[in-house]
């Protein structure tokens, strides 16, 4: 359902789903509950420091940005409009809810590529993860001066053991991170994310690579970390409703996150979660074969349709094709969700 009130008259545009039309035909259609969403609103446009002599003047100031934004039209697909709805938990004892955060601190965890790159002759600030489609591209990126020979800045297609996206679940709070607090605020409230939903675009990825049952994520009393997700397993899509159209859903196992206070050093130097910690997982992907061609092969049309081609991203003469996409990770128990920006990149020659 879509709601508009910026045309002088309030308009409510409702489109029934297949189930709704069926019940309407049977004469037993009745609305018992509804959900609200604001996915189309960009709150960064709202100026929190704006002031005016009256509420009317303040509304006029914000009206050019936040208030005047268009809203989505009504769709019948359940995942077309509200992707970030409010969550409801029937527990009055929940003081804190876990969140998901990316760990870029430990060896083997993918690190963001942050800085200015060259696109269409202009410099553009980029804050994303790079995923190489083939060995030729990986070697080119590792030879760059920015992060020379540092594999943690390059995800490799179908790599089971090297760089991976590492995600932690836990409470982002200054609460003590002891195992006793973990029991009180996560285990006893049934907020332990034993599994995660992984959502990725089926047009670009074949499979997800996820941890096996024997992973370890903990530290010693002296601060040494023991993080071993083992050789990742191949996961295939499951038959769950997609989060977004054309996205596949995968299940990743959560490894007990047993990072705890230590005698020396700060556990936050190795963990992204400052408070009680839940679980951690690691993921990588298998890219569609047609996207993995070398610089001497024919470029797949998806790079032209969904991305950009022949870009001298890192200056110099080397050209690259790329597609920007997003990975969504969701804790099955906590319902916490994390968006990970990912750039699929291919060396295209000089």
Protein backbone atom coordinates (compact mmCIF):
# COMPACT_ATOMS: atom_id res chain seq x y z
CA UNK A 1 0.00 0.00 0.00
CA UNK A 2 1.25 3.47 -0.88
CA UNK A 3 0.32 6.71 0.89
CA UNK A 4 0.56 10.23 -0.47
CA UNK A 5 -0.43 13.53 1.11
CA UNK A 6 1.50 16.12 -0.90
CA UNK A 7 -1.15 16.74 -3.54
CA UNK A 8 -3.77 18.52 -1.42
CA UNK A 9 -5.87 15.39 -1.00
CA UNK A 10 -4.80 12.27 0.88
CA UNK A 11 -4.48 9.33 -1.50
CA UNK A 12 -4.16 5.72 -0.44
CA UNK A 13 -3.24 3.31 -3.24
CA UNK A 14 -3.73 -0.32 -2.20
CA UNK A 15 -2.83 -3.33 -4.34
CA UNK A 16 -3.93 -6.75 -3.13
CA UNK A 17 -1.65 -9.74 -3.24
CA UNK A 18 -2.74 -13.03 -4.78
CA UNK A 19 -3.84 -14.24 -1.34
CA UNK A 20 -5.76 -11.02 -0.76
CA UNK A 21 -7.61 -11.27 -4.07
CA UNK A 22 -8.49 -14.89 -3.32
CA UNK A 23 -9.98 -13.97 0.05
CA UNK A 24 -11.77 -11.00 -1.49
CA UNK A 25 -13.42 -13.36 -3.99
CA UNK A 26 -14.38 -15.71 -1.15
CA UNK A 27 -15.94 -12.83 0.76
CA UNK A 28 -13.72 -13.22 3.85
CA UNK A 29 -11.14 -10.49 3.23
CA UNK A 30 -10.40 -8.65 6.47
CA UNK A 31 -7.37 -6.57 7.49
CA UNK A 32 -6.20 -7.71 10.93
CA UNK A 33 -2.71 -6.16 11.04
CA UNK A 34 -0.38 -4.09 8.92
CA UNK A 35 3.27 -3.05 8.69
CA UNK A 36 4.83 0.34 8.06
CA UNK A 37 8.04 1.02 6.18
CA UNK A 38 10.09 4.00 5.06
CA UNK A 39 12.65 2.41 2.74
CA UNK A 40 12.30 5.25 0.22
CA UNK A 41 13.20 7.99 2.72
CA UNK A 42 16.78 9.29 2.76
CA UNK A 43 17.13 10.66 6.29
CA UNK A 44 20.58 12.06 5.54
CA UNK A 45 18.75 14.90 3.78
CA UNK A 46 17.22 16.05 7.06
CA UNK A 47 19.09 18.97 8.61
CA UNK A 48 19.02 18.42 12.36
CA UNK A 49 20.57 21.85 12.93
CA UNK A 50 17.96 23.76 10.94
CA UNK A 51 15.97 26.37 12.84
CA UNK A 52 13.27 28.86 11.97
CA UNK A 53 10.99 31.41 13.57
CA UNK A 54 7.95 29.14 13.32
CA UNK A 55 7.00 25.55 12.68
CA UNK A 56 5.65 26.56 9.28
CA UNK A 57 8.98 28.09 8.27
CA UNK A 58 10.88 25.04 9.54
CA UNK A 59 8.57 22.77 7.54
CA UNK A 60 9.31 24.85 4.44
CA UNK A 61 13.06 24.48 5.00
CA UNK A 62 12.88 20.70 5.32
CA UNK A 63 10.15 20.40 2.69
CA UNK A 64 12.66 20.73 -0.14
CA UNK A 65 14.43 17.61 1.04
CA UNK A 66 12.98 15.12 3.47
CA UNK A 67 9.28 15.93 3.21
CA UNK A 68 9.11 16.24 -0.56
CA UNK A 69 10.63 12.84 -1.34
CA UNK A 70 8.57 10.57 -3.52
CA UNK A 71 7.22 7.33 -2.08
CA UNK A 72 7.08 3.95 -3.74
CA UNK A 73 3.97 2.98 -5.63
CA UNK A 74 2.03 -0.03 -4.40
CA UNK A 75 3.33 -3.48 -5.36
CA UNK A 76 1.86 -6.90 -4.74
CA UNK A 77 5.23 -8.61 -4.14
CA UNK A 78 5.86 -9.00 -0.38
CA UNK A 79 9.54 -8.04 -0.69
CA UNK A 80 9.13 -5.10 -3.06
CA UNK A 81 8.40 -2.27 -0.64
CA UNK A 82 9.28 -2.98 3.01
CA UNK A 83 12.74 -4.47 3.30
CA UNK A 84 13.47 -2.97 6.73
CA UNK A 85 10.26 -3.30 8.71
CA UNK A 86 10.02 -2.93 12.47
CA UNK A 87 10.74 -6.03 14.54
CA UNK A 88 8.51 -7.24 17.37
CA UNK A 89 9.75 -9.35 20.29
CA UNK A 90 7.32 -10.72 22.87
CA UNK A 91 9.80 -10.43 25.75
CA UNK A 92 9.59 -7.66 28.36
CA UNK A 93 13.06 -8.56 29.69
CA UNK A 94 15.01 -7.54 26.57
CA UNK A 95 17.22 -4.62 27.57
CA UNK A 96 19.61 -4.85 24.61
CA UNK A 97 19.33 -6.31 21.12
CA UNK A 98 22.31 -7.77 19.24
CA UNK A 99 23.54 -6.17 16.06
CA UNK A 100 25.79 -7.42 13.25
CA UNK A 101 29.15 -5.79 12.60
CA UNK A 102 31.92 -6.59 10.19
CA UNK A 103 35.28 -7.66 11.57
CA UNK A 104 38.13 -6.19 9.51
CA UNK A 105 40.73 -6.54 12.26
CA UNK A 106 41.92 -10.14 12.19
CA UNK A 107 44.18 -11.75 9.61
CA UNK A 108 42.19 -13.24 6.76
CA UNK A 109 39.21 -10.93 7.26
CA UNK A 110 38.42 -8.79 4.21
CA UNK A 111 39.20 -5.10 4.60
CA UNK A 112 37.38 -2.23 2.92
CA UNK A 113 38.99 -0.46 0.01
CA UNK A 114 38.65 3.18 1.08
CA UNK A 115 39.92 6.09 -0.94
CA UNK A 116 39.66 7.91 -4.24
CA UNK A 117 39.50 6.02 -7.52
CA UNK A 118 39.22 7.30 -11.08
CA UNK A 119 35.87 6.80 -12.83
CA UNK A 120 34.90 8.42 -16.12
CA UNK A 121 37.81 10.82 -15.83
CA UNK A 122 36.86 12.03 -12.35
CA UNK A 123 38.01 11.10 -8.86
CA UNK A 124 35.33 9.34 -6.81
CA UNK A 125 35.55 8.34 -3.17
CA UNK A 126 34.99 4.60 -2.76
CA UNK A 127 34.23 2.67 0.42
CA UNK A 128 33.60 -0.92 -0.56
CA UNK A 129 35.05 -4.43 -0.68
CA UNK A 130 36.76 -5.62 -3.86
CA UNK A 131 36.10 -9.09 -5.23
CA UNK A 132 38.35 -10.29 -8.03
CA UNK A 133 36.80 -12.49 -10.72
CA UNK A 134 40.02 -14.31 -11.68
CA UNK A 135 43.71 -14.77 -10.85
CA UNK A 136 44.79 -12.22 -13.47
CA UNK A 137 42.75 -9.50 -11.75
CA UNK A 138 43.97 -10.54 -8.30
CA UNK A 139 47.63 -10.20 -9.33
CA UNK A 140 46.99 -6.77 -10.84
CA UNK A 141 45.31 -5.47 -7.67
CA UNK A 142 47.93 -6.96 -5.34
CA UNK A 143 50.65 -5.17 -7.34
CA UNK A 144 49.11 -1.75 -6.65
CA UNK A 145 50.97 0.55 -4.30
CA UNK A 146 47.97 1.25 -2.01
CA UNK A 147 47.93 -2.18 -0.38
CA UNK A 148 50.72 -4.04 -2.10
CA UNK A 149 50.64 -7.83 -1.63
CA UNK A 150 47.96 -7.59 1.08
CA UNK A 151 45.44 -10.32 0.28
CA UNK A 152 43.03 -9.01 2.91
CA UNK A 153 42.07 -6.20 0.51
CA UNK A 154 40.99 -8.61 -2.22
CA UNK A 155 38.29 -11.25 -2.05
CA UNK A 156 39.01 -14.01 -4.55
CA UNK A 157 36.39 -15.90 -6.47
CA UNK A 158 35.70 -19.37 -5.02
CA UNK A 159 38.47 -19.13 -2.42
CA UNK A 160 37.82 -21.61 0.41
CA UNK A 161 40.72 -20.74 2.69
CA UNK A 162 42.07 -17.24 2.13
CA UNK A 163 40.35 -13.84 2.49
CA UNK A 164 36.71 -13.90 3.57
CA UNK A 165 34.00 -11.57 4.87
CA UNK A 166 33.88 -12.00 8.67
CA UNK A 167 30.73 -10.94 10.53
CA UNK A 168 30.16 -10.84 14.29
CA UNK A 169 26.88 -10.77 16.19
CA UNK A 170 26.63 -9.23 19.64
CA UNK A 171 25.65 -6.23 21.75
CA UNK A 172 27.26 -2.96 20.67
CA UNK A 173 27.45 -1.52 24.17
CA UNK A 174 29.98 -0.84 26.91
CA UNK A 175 28.59 -3.75 28.92
CA UNK A 176 31.23 -6.11 30.23
CA UNK A 177 32.10 -8.65 27.54
CA UNK A 178 32.66 -11.58 29.89
CA UNK A 179 31.18 -14.98 29.18
CA UNK A 180 28.83 -14.50 32.14
CA UNK A 181 27.36 -11.39 30.49
CA UNK A 182 27.09 -13.34 27.25
CA UNK A 183 25.00 -15.93 29.06
CA UNK A 184 22.78 -13.31 30.73
CA UNK A 185 22.10 -11.03 27.76
CA UNK A 186 22.33 -13.37 24.77
CA UNK A 187 21.91 -17.02 25.70
CA UNK A 188 19.19 -16.52 28.32
CA UNK A 189 17.21 -14.23 26.00
CA UNK A 190 17.35 -16.65 23.05
CA UNK A 191 19.27 -14.10 20.96
CA UNK A 192 22.13 -16.40 19.96
CA UNK A 193 22.48 -16.30 16.17
CA UNK A 194 23.33 -19.93 15.57
CA UNK A 195 22.65 -19.40 11.86
CA UNK A 196 22.64 -16.46 9.45
CA UNK A 197 20.71 -15.78 6.26
CA UNK A 198 22.96 -14.59 3.44
CA UNK A 199 21.31 -12.76 0.54
CA UNK A 200 23.15 -12.09 -2.73
CA UNK A 201 22.25 -11.27 -6.34
CA UNK A 202 21.62 -14.45 -8.34
CA UNK A 203 22.66 -12.66 -11.55
CA UNK A 204 26.25 -12.43 -10.33
CA UNK A 205 26.78 -15.33 -7.90
CA UNK A 206 26.39 -19.11 -8.21
CA UNK A 207 27.03 -20.22 -4.64
CA UNK A 208 28.04 -18.98 -1.21
CA UNK A 209 30.96 -20.43 0.74
CA UNK A 210 30.27 -20.72 4.47
CA UNK A 211 31.94 -22.24 7.61
CA UNK A 212 31.80 -25.89 8.55
CA UNK A 213 30.91 -27.22 12.02
CA UNK A 214 34.42 -27.14 13.48
CA UNK A 215 35.17 -23.41 13.38
CA UNK A 216 36.83 -21.61 16.31
CA UNK A 217 36.62 -17.93 17.27
CA UNK A 218 38.12 -17.12 20.67
CA UNK A 219 41.15 -15.60 22.38
CA UNK A 220 43.66 -16.72 24.96
CA UNK A 221 44.17 -14.98 28.30
CA UNK A 222 47.24 -13.23 26.85
CA UNK A 223 45.16 -11.75 24.02
CA UNK A 224 46.25 -14.11 21.26
CA UNK A 225 43.32 -14.79 18.95
CA UNK A 226 42.41 -18.20 17.65
CA UNK A 227 40.17 -17.60 14.65
CA UNK A 228 39.88 -20.57 12.34
CA UNK A 229 36.78 -21.00 10.20
CA UNK A 230 38.36 -23.99 8.49
CA UNK A 231 37.92 -24.76 4.83
CA UNK A 232 34.65 -23.15 3.82
CA UNK A 233 31.82 -25.37 2.59
CA UNK A 234 29.84 -24.86 -0.60
CA UNK A 235 26.30 -23.72 0.14
CA UNK A 236 23.44 -23.79 -2.33
CA UNK A 237 20.37 -21.53 -2.32
CA UNK A 238 17.49 -22.47 -0.04
CA UNK A 239 13.82 -22.17 -0.88
CA UNK A 240 13.06 -19.18 1.31
CA UNK A 241 11.27 -16.06 0.07
CA UNK A 242 13.94 -13.69 -1.28
CA UNK A 243 14.73 -10.51 0.58
CA UNK A 244 14.94 -8.61 -2.71
CA UNK A 245 13.85 -9.59 -6.20
CA UNK A 246 16.48 -11.71 -8.00
CA UNK A 247 18.40 -12.36 -4.78
CA UNK A 248 19.14 -15.90 -3.59
CA UNK A 249 19.13 -16.93 0.07
CA UNK A 250 21.88 -19.03 1.69
CA UNK A 251 22.33 -20.30 5.25
CA UNK A 252 25.65 -19.77 7.05
CA UNK A 253 26.57 -21.41 10.34
CA UNK A 254 27.43 -19.21 13.31
CA UNK A 255 30.57 -20.06 15.30
CA UNK A 256 30.51 -19.32 19.05
CA UNK A 257 32.18 -15.94 19.57
CA UNK A 258 34.18 -16.52 22.74
CA UNK A 259 36.34 -13.39 22.68
CA UNK A 260 36.55 -12.36 26.35
CA UNK A 261 38.47 -9.91 28.58
CA UNK A 262 42.18 -10.65 28.77
CA UNK A 263 45.14 -9.89 31.03
CA UNK A 264 46.99 -7.78 28.47
CA UNK A 265 45.75 -5.77 25.51
CA UNK A 266 42.23 -4.82 24.50
CA UNK A 267 39.87 -7.49 23.10
CA UNK A 268 38.33 -4.75 20.94
CA UNK A 269 41.58 -4.80 18.97
CA UNK A 270 40.51 -8.18 17.57
CA UNK A 271 36.72 -8.00 17.83
CA UNK A 272 34.21 -5.58 16.24
CA UNK A 273 31.76 -6.05 19.13
CA UNK A 274 32.61 -4.20 22.39
CA UNK A 275 29.91 -5.82 24.56
CA UNK A 276 28.70 -9.39 25.08
CA UNK A 277 29.41 -11.41 21.95
CA UNK A 278 27.15 -13.96 20.30
CA UNK A 279 28.57 -15.75 17.24
CA UNK A 280 30.70 -15.10 14.18
CA UNK A 281 30.57 -16.35 10.63
CA UNK A 282 32.65 -16.08 7.45
CA UNK A 283 31.50 -16.01 3.84
CA UNK A 284 32.86 -15.89 0.33
CA UNK A 285 31.23 -16.46 -3.05
CA UNK A 286 31.46 -18.26 -6.35
CA UNK A 287 30.96 -15.79 -9.20
CA UNK A 288 29.01 -16.67 -12.33
CA UNK A 289 31.29 -18.24 -14.92
CA UNK A 290 30.46 -15.73 -17.64
CA UNK A 291 31.82 -12.90 -15.46
CA UNK A 292 35.19 -14.60 -14.86
CA UNK A 293 36.70 -14.14 -18.31
CA UNK A 294 40.31 -12.95 -18.67
CA UNK A 295 41.32 -9.72 -20.37
CA UNK A 296 41.77 -11.57 -23.69
CA UNK A 297 38.26 -13.05 -23.62
CA UNK A 298 34.99 -11.47 -24.67
CA UNK A 299 33.54 -9.19 -22.00
CA UNK A 300 30.18 -10.35 -20.65
CA UNK A 301 27.30 -7.94 -21.30
CA UNK A 302 26.43 -7.79 -17.58
CA UNK A 303 29.39 -5.47 -17.00
CA UNK A 304 27.88 -3.03 -19.49
CA UNK A 305 24.29 -3.41 -18.25
CA UNK A 306 24.89 -3.35 -14.48
CA UNK A 307 28.30 -1.72 -14.11
CA UNK A 308 31.02 0.20 -15.92
CA UNK A 309 33.69 -0.91 -18.37
CA UNK A 310 37.23 0.14 -19.29
CA UNK A 311 37.76 2.27 -16.18
CA UNK A 312 41.30 3.32 -15.20
CA UNK A 313 40.31 3.04 -11.54
CA UNK A 314 43.80 3.10 -10.08
CA UNK A 315 45.24 5.56 -12.62
CA UNK A 316 47.91 4.28 -14.98
CA UNK A 317 47.08 2.40 -18.18
CA UNK A 318 45.32 -0.64 -16.69
CA UNK A 319 41.58 -0.76 -17.33
CA UNK A 320 38.96 -2.56 -15.29
CA UNK A 321 35.32 -3.57 -15.61
CA UNK A 322 33.24 -3.67 -12.46
CA UNK A 323 29.77 -4.18 -11.03
CA UNK A 324 28.70 -2.74 -7.68
CA UNK A 325 26.34 -4.92 -5.68
CA UNK A 326 25.36 -5.53 -2.06
CA UNK A 327 25.40 -8.54 0.24
CA UNK A 328 22.85 -8.74 3.06
CA UNK A 329 23.51 -10.76 6.21
CA UNK A 330 20.73 -11.43 8.73
CA UNK A 331 20.90 -13.09 12.14
CA UNK A 332 18.14 -15.70 12.29
CA UNK A 333 17.49 -15.29 16.05
CA UNK A 334 18.23 -11.59 16.54
CA UNK A 335 16.81 -10.49 13.15
CA UNK A 336 19.68 -8.01 13.03
CA UNK A 337 20.77 -7.18 9.50
CA UNK A 338 23.96 -5.92 7.89
CA UNK A 339 24.50 -4.53 4.37
CA UNK A 340 27.92 -5.12 2.82
CA UNK A 341 28.91 -3.16 -0.32
CA UNK A 342 30.84 -5.29 -2.79
CA UNK A 343 32.52 -4.42 -6.08
CA UNK A 344 32.98 -7.32 -8.53
CA UNK A 345 36.05 -6.33 -10.54
CA UNK A 346 37.73 -7.68 -13.69
CA UNK A 347 40.98 -6.63 -15.32
CA UNK A 348 40.12 -5.64 -18.90
CA UNK A 349 43.55 -4.90 -20.37
CA UNK A 350 45.40 -1.69 -21.22
